[in-house]
Amino acid sequence: MNGGSAFASGGRMPSDWGPPGLETTPPRVNKALVVVVSLCLVTIVGVPWCHENVGSIDLMTGNRSCPTAPSEIKVWAGNYHTRRAEEAVNLQSWISRHPGRINKQYGAFCETPLHVAARFGREDLAGPLVAAGADLEAQNELGERPLHLSASYGHPTVTKLLLARGAAVGARDRGGKTPLHAAAFGLGDQSRIEARIEVARLLIGAGADVNARQPGSGFTPLRYARSYESRNSAMAALLLTHGADPRGGEETR
């Protein structure tokens, strides 16, 4: 019996082997199902991994989002966070282990660790970052430098540190704002106004142009100090005292 001889001699079992009516047939592979399952696995496993480690791009708006910040940075990146001494130690350890990542961009606005330290007023962390080679002129997704953020959020100590290390006082963001514009406008309200006035003093002392105009709108820092929810007479008075053109606070036509 040929089939039995082949099987006994170690050959492959024929597909029609067995009693009549009970032949064994190799199962057919549903290739379409394999593709669908593979895509599902990529979506479930791959997308979160890519978002956390590579970032993403919104196909509708074109806005970019960068990878999630490492725990040594994320743990202190918050408005109501209480400082802990070990955070500086942990950050220094992270810098030592990953020197090539010191200027890597993280989060929704693609900010470097120095941007984050400037945003949250962490001069104790900004210092080690700058000392290790953090780029003072790195730009986030909005074209803002760390100095823009320390000005917007009203952090004089970080501002002083950045200026002392050579940050460009007249740098422009994507909308054409200088750090002095940012100090005058803040977050578009009265938050941390006294601290922002102190930041403005530091910027003017470092040579900031009080009459710098934004391309297009022509807005000066004085315009922000006199308009909208950010208007503040003390900020306006400081700018005028240091030579701001009063017409710069008027609407251009």
Foldseek 3Di string as FASTA:
>chain_A
DVQVVCVVVPHDRDQQDDDPPPGHHDDDDDVVVVVVVVVVCCVVPVPVVCCQAAWDADPVPRQTAGHADDPLQVVQQDQPDDDDPCSLVSLLVVCVVCVVQQAFFHGRFRHGSLLSCLLRQPPSNNVSSVVSPHDQLDQTNQQDGSLLNNLLQQHQVSNVVSVVSPRDQQDQTNQGDGSLLSLLCRVQACHNVVSNLSSNVVSVVSPYDQLRAGPPQGAGSLLSCCDGRSHDPVSNVVSVVSPHDPCNNPGDD
